[in-house]
Structures are given as structure tokens and as C-alpha cells.
């Protein structure tokens, strides 16, 4: 799972495999996404859902301490 494998609506293609959470979330917030919620994910990771009024919803996977964004993809 890597960030550079998926194209996210409204965001330029991410070329890095992972990003610090603050950098990744700045991209999402800058594109108009809003964090909807989060839950535990497999492998002791954390998943979060991001909403946008016109783009498809995003599910993002973070490291256990939520300091690194590992991957993100559309779920709608």
C-alpha cells in the first residue's frame, strides 16, 4: 500500500510512497476535503474517511501513531 498508487480527485498525483500526516492532510484540506471520522484498521493502523461535496469519498490509512499517511483511495 502506497500513496503513489492511487489518483485522488482534486489533488495532483502524489509521487511519494508515504507522507507525514500534516503534509498529506494539508493536500486534502486544500482541495476542500473534510475529515468525517476514523476507526482502527488491520495491522494496528488507523483509517480515516474524508468527504468532499463534489469529489468521491476518500479512505486513508495511517501508521498506528497517525504520524505517517500510508495510502489513500476512493471508496465510492
PDB file of N, CA and C in Angstrom:
ATOM      1  N   UNK A   1       0.841  -1.181   0.000  1.00  0.00           N
ATOM      2  CA  UNK A   1       0.000   0.000   0.000  1.00  0.00           C
ATOM      3  C   UNK A   1       0.884   1.242   0.000  1.00  0.00           C
ATOM      4  N   UNK A   2       0.672   2.080  -0.969  1.00  0.00           N
ATOM      5  CA  UNK A   2       1.442   3.311  -1.037  1.00  0.00           C
ATOM      6  C   UNK A   2       0.595   4.435  -1.618  1.00  0.00           C
ATOM      7  N   UNK A   3       0.898   5.649  -1.218  1.00  0.00           N
ATOM      8  CA  UNK A   3       0.137   6.801  -1.696  1.00  0.00           C
ATOM      9  C   UNK A   3       0.264   7.010  -3.199  1.00  0.00           C
ATOM     10  N   UNK A   4       1.416   6.689  -3.768  1.00  0.00           N
ATOM     11  CA  UNK A   4       1.635   6.959  -5.189  1.00  0.00           C
ATOM     12  C   UNK A   4       0.908   6.004  -6.130  1.00  0.00           C
ATOM     13  N   UNK A   5       0.199   5.025  -5.600  1.00  0.00           N
ATOM     14  CA  UNK A   5      -0.511   4.044  -6.424  1.00  0.00           C
ATOM     15  C   UNK A   5      -1.909   4.495  -6.850  1.00  0.00           C
ATOM     16  N   UNK A   6      -2.445   5.522  -6.189  1.00  0.00           N
ATOM     17  CA  UNK A   6      -3.821   5.936  -6.444  1.00  0.00           C
ATOM     18  C   UNK A   6      -3.889   7.413  -6.810  1.00  0.00           C
ATOM     19  N   UNK A   7      -4.798   7.762  -7.708  1.00  0.00           N
ATOM     20  CA  UNK A   7      -5.069   9.158  -8.069  1.00  0.00           C
ATOM     21  C   UNK A   7      -6.288   9.610  -7.276  1.00  0.00           C
ATOM     22  N   UNK A   8      -6.137  10.694  -6.547  1.00  0.00           N
ATOM     23  CA  UNK A   8      -7.221  11.223  -5.728  1.00  0.00           C
ATOM     24  C   UNK A   8      -7.841  12.425  -6.425  1.00  0.00           C
ATOM     25  N   UNK A   9      -9.158  12.452  -6.505  1.00  0.00           N
ATOM     26  CA  UNK A   9      -9.879  13.552  -7.157  1.00  0.00           C
ATOM     27  C   UNK A   9      -9.490  14.889  -6.527  1.00  0.00           C
ATOM     28  N   UNK A  10      -9.175  15.871  -7.380  1.00  0.00           N
ATOM     29  CA  UNK A  10      -8.903  17.217  -6.931  1.00  0.00           C
ATOM     30  C   UNK A  10      -7.502  17.459  -6.408  1.00  0.00           C
ATOM     31  N   UNK A  11      -6.646  16.438  -6.449  1.00  0.00           N
ATOM     32  CA  UNK A  11      -5.287  16.542  -5.922  1.00  0.00           C
ATOM     33  C   UNK A  11      -4.314  16.071  -6.989  1.00  0.00           C
ATOM     34  N   UNK A  12      -3.218  16.804  -7.179  1.00  0.00           N
ATOM     35  CA  UNK A  12      -2.180  16.345  -8.104  1.00  0.00           C
ATOM     36  C   UNK A  12      -1.676  14.974  -7.670  1.00  0.00           C
ATOM     37  N   UNK A  13      -1.228  14.184  -8.630  1.00  0.00           N
ATOM     38  CA  UNK A  13      -0.722  12.844  -8.321  1.00  0.00           C
ATOM     39  C   UNK A  13       0.373  12.923  -7.256  1.00  0.00           C
ATOM     40  N   UNK A  14       0.199  12.161  -6.194  1.00  0.00           N
ATOM     41  CA  UNK A  14       1.209  12.095  -5.140  1.00  0.00           C
ATOM     42  C   UNK A  14       2.308  11.155  -5.630  1.00  0.00           C
ATOM     43  N   UNK A  15       3.545  11.604  -5.577  1.00  0.00           N
ATOM     44  CA  UNK A  15       4.659  10.811  -6.083  1.00  0.00           C
ATOM     45  C   UNK A  15       5.398  10.047  -4.985  1.00  0.00           C
ATOM     46  N   UNK A  16       5.164  10.386  -3.739  1.00  0.00           N
ATOM     47  CA  UNK A  16       5.818   9.719  -2.611  1.00  0.00           C
ATOM     48  C   UNK A  16       5.025   8.496  -2.183  1.00  0.00           C
ATOM     49  N   UNK A  17       5.720   7.499  -1.677  1.00  0.00           N
ATOM     50  CA  UNK A  17       5.056   6.284  -1.188  1.00  0.00           C
ATOM     51  C   UNK A  17       4.302   6.554   0.117  1.00  0.00           C
ATOM     52  N   UNK A  18       4.840   7.410   0.973  1.00  0.00           N
ATOM     53  CA  UNK A  18       4.181   7.827   2.212  1.00  0.00           C
ATOM     54  C   UNK A  18       4.454   9.312   2.400  1.00  0.00           C
ATOM     55  N   UNK A  19       3.662   9.940   3.265  1.00  0.00           N
ATOM     56  CA  UNK A  19       3.859  11.355   3.591  1.00  0.00           C
ATOM     57  C   UNK A  19       3.627  11.561   5.083  1.00  0.00           C
ATOM     58  N   UNK A  20       4.297  12.552   5.674  1.00  0.00           N
ATOM     59  CA  UNK A  20       3.913  12.928   7.028  1.00  0.00           C
ATOM     60  C   UNK A  20       2.433  13.318   7.027  1.00  0.00           C
ATOM     61  N   UNK A  21       1.733  12.961   8.062  1.00  0.00           N
ATOM     62  CA  UNK A  21       0.295  13.223   8.128  1.00  0.00           C
ATOM     63  C   UNK A  21      -0.036  14.687   7.889  1.00  0.00           C
ATOM     64  N   UNK A  22       0.736  15.597   8.464  1.00  0.00           N
ATOM     65  CA  UNK A  22       0.404  17.020   8.290  1.00  0.00           C
ATOM     66  C   UNK A  22       0.512  17.442   6.825  1.00  0.00           C
ATOM     67  N   UNK A  23       1.454  16.907   6.072  1.00  0.00           N
ATOM     68  CA  UNK A  23       1.584  17.236   4.650  1.00  0.00           C
ATOM     69  C   UNK A  23       0.433  16.640   3.841  1.00  0.00           C
ATOM     70  N   UNK A  24       0.114  15.380   4.116  1.00  0.00           N
ATOM     71  CA  UNK A  24      -0.968  14.700   3.411  1.00  0.00           C
ATOM     72  C   UNK A  24      -2.303  15.390   3.675  1.00  0.00           C
ATOM     73  N   UNK A  25      -2.581  15.677   4.927  1.00  0.00           N
ATOM     74  CA  UNK A  25      -3.858  16.293   5.263  1.00  0.00           C
ATOM     75  C   UNK A  25      -3.944  17.736   4.752  1.00  0.00           C
ATOM     76  N   UNK A  26      -2.823  18.419   4.639  1.00  0.00           N
ATOM     77  CA  UNK A  26      -2.828  19.766   4.054  1.00  0.00           C
ATOM     78  C   UNK A  26      -3.271  19.697   2.590  1.00  0.00           C
ATOM     79  N   UNK A  27      -2.851  18.657   1.860  1.00  0.00           N
ATOM     80  CA  UNK A  27      -3.306  18.469   0.480  1.00  0.00           C
ATOM     81  C   UNK A  27      -4.818  18.280   0.431  1.00  0.00           C
ATOM     82  N   UNK A  28      -5.331  17.412   1.315  1.00  0.00           N
ATOM     83  CA  UNK A  28      -6.772  17.142   1.328  1.00  0.00           C
ATOM     84  C   UNK A  28      -7.574  18.389   1.715  1.00  0.00           C
ATOM     85  N   UNK A  29      -7.149  19.050   2.776  1.00  0.00           N
ATOM     86  CA  UNK A  29      -7.867  20.249   3.221  1.00  0.00           C
ATOM     87  C   UNK A  29      -7.811  21.348   2.165  1.00  0.00           C
ATOM     88  N   UNK A  30      -6.668  21.497   1.511  1.00  0.00           N
ATOM     89  CA  UNK A  30      -6.524  22.493   0.459  1.00  0.00           C
ATOM     90  C   UNK A  30      -7.429  22.229  -0.732  1.00  0.00           C
ATOM     91  N   UNK A  31      -7.768  20.952  -0.956  1.00  0.00           N
ATOM     92  CA  UNK A  31      -8.648  20.581  -2.059  1.00  0.00           C
ATOM     93  C   UNK A  31     -10.120  20.604  -1.644  1.00  0.00           C
ATOM     94  N   UNK A  32     -10.396  20.946  -0.387  1.00  0.00           N
ATOM     95  CA  UNK A  32     -11.777  21.057   0.070  1.00  0.00           C
ATOM     96  C   UNK A  32     -12.344  19.831   0.746  1.00  0.00           C
ATOM     97  N   UNK A  33     -11.508  18.852   1.076  1.00  0.00           N
ATOM     98  CA  UNK A  33     -11.978  17.665   1.791  1.00  0.00           C
ATOM     99  C   UNK A  33     -12.105  17.977   3.277  1.00  0.00           C
ATOM    100  N   UNK A  34     -13.010  17.243   3.946  1.00  0.00           N
ATOM    101  CA  UNK A  34     -13.201  17.361   5.386  1.00  0.00           C
ATOM    102  C   UNK A  34     -13.146  15.966   5.994  1.00  0.00           C
ATOM    103  N   UNK A  35     -12.443  15.838   7.092  1.00  0.00           N
ATOM    104  CA  UNK A  35     -12.342  14.534   7.766  1.00  0.00           C
ATOM    105  C   UNK A  35     -13.676  14.214   8.428  1.00  0.00           C
ATOM    106  N   UNK A  36     -14.203  13.022   8.125  1.00  0.00           N
ATOM    107  CA  UNK A  36     -15.507  12.601   8.645  1.00  0.00           C
ATOM    108  C   UNK A  36     -15.390  11.782   9.922  1.00  0.00           C
ATOM    109  N   UNK A  37     -14.352  10.989  10.043  1.00  0.00           N
ATOM    110  CA  UNK A  37     -14.211  10.130  11.200  1.00  0.00           C
ATOM    111  C   UNK A  37     -13.068   9.161  10.989  1.00  0.00           C
ATOM    112  N   UNK A  38     -12.818   8.338  12.018  1.00  0.00           N
ATOM    113  CA  UNK A  38     -11.743   7.363  11.928  1.00  0.00           C
ATOM    114  C   UNK A  38     -12.083   6.136  12.757  1.00  0.00           C
ATOM    115  N   UNK A  39     -11.313   5.066  12.531  1.00  0.00           N
ATOM    116  CA  UNK A  39     -11.523   3.807  13.235  1.00  0.00           C
ATOM    117  C   UNK A  39     -10.237   2.995  13.167  1.00  0.00           C
ATOM    118  N   UNK A  40     -10.104   2.000  14.054  1.00  0.00           N
ATOM    119  CA  UNK A  40      -8.942   1.107  13.955  1.00  0.00           C
ATOM    120  C   UNK A  40      -8.974   0.347  12.627  1.00  0.00           C
ATOM    121  N   UNK A  41      -7.792   0.051  12.103  1.00  0.00           N
ATOM    122  CA  UNK A  41      -7.673  -0.705  10.862  1.00  0.00           C
ATOM    123  C   UNK A  41      -6.767  -1.919  11.109  1.00  0.00           C
ATOM    124  N   UNK A  42      -6.740  -2.811  10.150  1.00  0.00           N
ATOM    125  CA  UNK A  42      -5.916  -4.004  10.253  1.00  0.00           C
ATOM    126  C   UNK A  42      -4.447  -3.635  10.458  1.00  0.00           C
ATOM    127  N   UNK A  43      -3.720  -4.462  11.175  1.00  0.00           N
ATOM    128  CA  UNK A  43      -2.304  -4.223  11.396  1.00  0.00           C
ATOM    129  C   UNK A  43      -2.018  -3.102  12.376  1.00  0.00           C
ATOM    130  N   UNK A  44      -2.946  -2.830  13.281  1.00  0.00           N
ATOM    131  CA  UNK A  44      -2.781  -1.786  14.293  1.00  0.00           C
ATOM    132  C   UNK A  44      -2.690  -0.392  13.678  1.00  0.00           C
ATOM    133  N   UNK A  45      -3.174  -0.244  12.467  1.00  0.00           N
ATOM    134  CA  UNK A  45      -3.174   1.058  11.804  1.00  0.00           C
ATOM    135  C   UNK A  45      -4.478   1.788  12.088  1.00  0.00           C
ATOM    136  N   UNK A  46      -4.594   2.995  11.566  1.00  0.00           N
ATOM    137  CA  UNK A  46      -5.803   3.802  11.728  1.00  0.00           C
ATOM    138  C   UNK A  46      -6.310   4.168  10.346  1.00  0.00           C
ATOM    139  N   UNK A  47      -7.629   4.043  10.136  1.00  0.00           N
ATOM    140  CA  UNK A  47      -8.205   4.503   8.875  1.00  0.00           C
ATOM    141  C   UNK A  47      -9.105   5.695   9.156  1.00  0.00           C
ATOM    142  N   UNK A  48      -9.147   6.597   8.191  1.00  0.00           N
ATOM    143  CA  UNK A  48      -9.979   7.790   8.320  1.00  0.00           C
ATOM    144  C   UNK A  48     -10.702   8.010   7.002  1.00  0.00           C
ATOM    145  N   UNK A  49     -11.897   8.589   7.091  1.00  0.00           N
ATOM    146  CA  UNK A  49     -12.693   8.885   5.905  1.00  0.00           C
ATOM    147  C   UNK A  49     -12.732  10.386   5.705  1.00  0.00           C
ATOM    148  N   UNK A  50     -12.604  10.784   4.445  1.00  0.00           N
ATOM    149  CA  UNK A  50     -12.612  12.189   4.066  1.00  0.00           C
ATOM    150  C   UNK A  50     -13.735  12.435   3.077  1.00  0.00           C
ATOM    151  N   UNK A  51     -14.504  13.489   3.301  1.00  0.00           N
ATOM    152  CA  UNK A  51     -15.668  13.856   2.484  1.00  0.00           C
ATOM    153  C   UNK A  51     -15.360  15.106   1.675  1.00  0.00           C
ATOM    154  N   UNK A  52     -15.912  15.157   0.476  1.00  0.00           N
ATOM    155  CA  UNK A  52     -15.854  16.352  -0.371  1.00  0.00           C
ATOM    156  C   UNK A  52     -17.233  16.522  -1.007  1.00  0.00           C
ATOM    157  N   UNK A  53     -17.743  17.743  -1.137  1.00  0.00           N
ATOM    158  CA  UNK A  53     -19.093  17.914  -1.687  1.00  0.00           C
ATOM    159  C   UNK A  53     -19.249  17.481  -3.145  1.00  0.00           C
ATOM    160  N   UNK A  54     -18.173  17.461  -3.930  1.00  0.00           N
ATOM    161  CA  UNK A  54     -18.317  17.061  -5.332  1.00  0.00           C
ATOM    162  C   UNK A  54     -17.436  15.879  -5.733  1.00  0.00           C
ATOM    163  N   UNK A  55     -16.337  15.646  -5.024  1.00  0.00           N
ATOM    164  CA  UNK A  55     -15.461  14.518  -5.344  1.00  0.00           C
ATOM    165  C   UNK A  55     -15.876  13.272  -4.551  1.00  0.00           C
ATOM    166  N   UNK A  56     -15.373  12.131  -4.994  1.00  0.00           N
ATOM    167  CA  UNK A  56     -15.663  10.879  -4.294  1.00  0.00           C
ATOM    168  C   UNK A  56     -14.995  10.871  -2.913  1.00  0.00           C
ATOM    169  N   UNK A  57     -15.612  10.120  -1.994  1.00  0.00           N
ATOM    170  CA  UNK A  57     -15.084   9.998  -0.632  1.00  0.00           C
ATOM    171  C   UNK A  57     -13.744   9.269  -0.653  1.00  0.00           C
ATOM    172  N   UNK A  58     -12.847   9.628   0.257  1.00  0.00           N
ATOM    173  CA  UNK A  58     -11.528   9.015   0.371  1.00  0.00           C
ATOM    174  C   UNK A  58     -11.423   8.262   1.687  1.00  0.00           C
ATOM    175  N   UNK A  59     -10.813   7.086   1.641  1.00  0.00           N
ATOM    176  CA  UNK A  59     -10.412   6.379   2.839  1.00  0.00           C
ATOM    177  C   UNK A  59      -8.896   6.420   2.884  1.00  0.00           C
ATOM    178  N   UNK A  60      -8.337   6.868   3.995  1.00  0.00           N
ATOM    179  CA  UNK A  60      -6.890   6.972   4.159  1.00  0.00           C
ATOM    180  C   UNK A  60      -6.453   6.049   5.291  1.00  0.00           C
ATOM    181  N   UNK A  61      -5.275   5.455   5.131  1.00  0.00           N
ATOM    182  CA  UNK A  61      -4.704   4.576   6.144  1.00  0.00           C
ATOM    183  C   UNK A  61      -3.441   5.236   6.685  1.00  0.00           C
ATOM    184  N   UNK A  62      -3.357   5.282   8.029  1.00  0.00           N
ATOM    185  CA  UNK A  62      -2.245   5.922   8.720  1.00  0.00           C
ATOM    186  C   UNK A  62      -1.486   4.903   9.569  1.00  0.00           C
ATOM    187  N   UNK A  63      -0.258   5.272   9.927  1.00  0.00           N
ATOM    188  CA  UNK A  63       0.528   4.465  10.857  1.00  0.00           C
ATOM    189  C   UNK A  63      -0.194   4.418  12.212  1.00  0.00           C
ATOM    190  N   UNK A  64       0.175   3.460  13.082  1.00  0.00           N
ATOM    191  CA  UNK A  64      -0.514   3.342  14.374  1.00  0.00           C
ATOM    192  C   UNK A  64      -0.527   4.623  15.195  1.00  0.00           C
ATOM    193  N   UNK A  65       0.532   5.419  15.113  1.00  0.00           N
ATOM    194  CA  UNK A  65       0.570   6.672  15.873  1.00  0.00           C
ATOM    195  C   UNK A  65       0.042   7.867  15.068  1.00  0.00           C
ATOM    196  N   UNK A  66      -0.466   7.602  13.875  1.00  0.00           N
ATOM    197  CA  UNK A  66      -1.064   8.596  12.979  1.00  0.00           C
ATOM    198  C   UNK A  66      -0.091   9.708  12.562  1.00  0.00           C
ATOM    199  N   UNK A  67       1.195   9.420  12.514  1.00  0.00           N
ATOM    200  CA  UNK A  67       2.162  10.425  12.081  1.00  0.00           C
ATOM    201  C   UNK A  67       2.510  10.292  10.601  1.00  0.00           C
ATOM    202  N   UNK A  68       2.192   9.134   9.990  1.00  0.00           N
ATOM    203  CA  UNK A  68       2.514   8.880   8.589  1.00  0.00           C
ATOM    204  C   UNK A  68       1.248   8.435   7.858  1.00  0.00           C
ATOM    205  N   UNK A  69       0.962   9.065   6.708  1.00  0.00           N
ATOM    206  CA  UNK A  69      -0.119   8.610   5.833  1.00  0.00           C
ATOM    207  C   UNK A  69       0.484   7.546   4.924  1.00  0.00           C
ATOM    208  N   UNK A  70      -0.098   6.349   4.947  1.00  0.00           N
ATOM    209  CA  UNK A  70       0.449   5.202   4.213  1.00  0.00           C
ATOM    210  C   UNK A  70      -0.182   5.051   2.836  1.00  0.00           C
ATOM    211  N   UNK A  71      -1.487   5.168   2.769  1.00  0.00           N
ATOM    212  CA  UNK A  71      -2.176   5.049   1.485  1.00  0.00           C
ATOM    213  C   UNK A  71      -3.524   5.757   1.572  1.00  0.00           C
ATOM    214  N   UNK A  72      -4.109   6.033   0.425  1.00  0.00           N
ATOM    215  CA  UNK A  72      -5.435   6.652   0.361  1.00  0.00           C
ATOM    216  C   UNK A  72      -6.046   6.289  -0.978  1.00  0.00           C
ATOM    217  N   UNK A  73      -7.362   6.085  -0.982  1.00  0.00           N
ATOM    218  CA  UNK A  73      -8.057   5.656  -2.206  1.00  0.00           C
ATOM    219  C   UNK A  73      -9.521   6.048  -2.082  1.00  0.00           C
ATOM    220  N   UNK A  74     -10.199   6.088  -3.220  1.00  0.00           N
ATOM    221  CA  UNK A  74     -11.627   6.399  -3.223  1.00  0.00           C
ATOM    222  C   UNK A  74     -12.430   5.151  -2.873  1.00  0.00           C
ATOM    223  N   UNK A  75     -13.502   5.344  -2.107  1.00  0.00           N
ATOM    224  CA  UNK A  75     -14.357   4.231  -1.724  1.00  0.00           C
ATOM    225  C   UNK A  75     -15.743   4.319  -2.315  1.00  0.00           C
ATOM    226  N   UNK A  76     -16.056   5.365  -3.036  1.00  0.00           N
ATOM    227  CA  UNK A  76     -17.382   5.479  -3.677  1.00  0.00           C
ATOM    228  C   UNK A  76     -17.269   5.185  -5.162  1.00  0.00           C
TER     229      UNK A  76
END
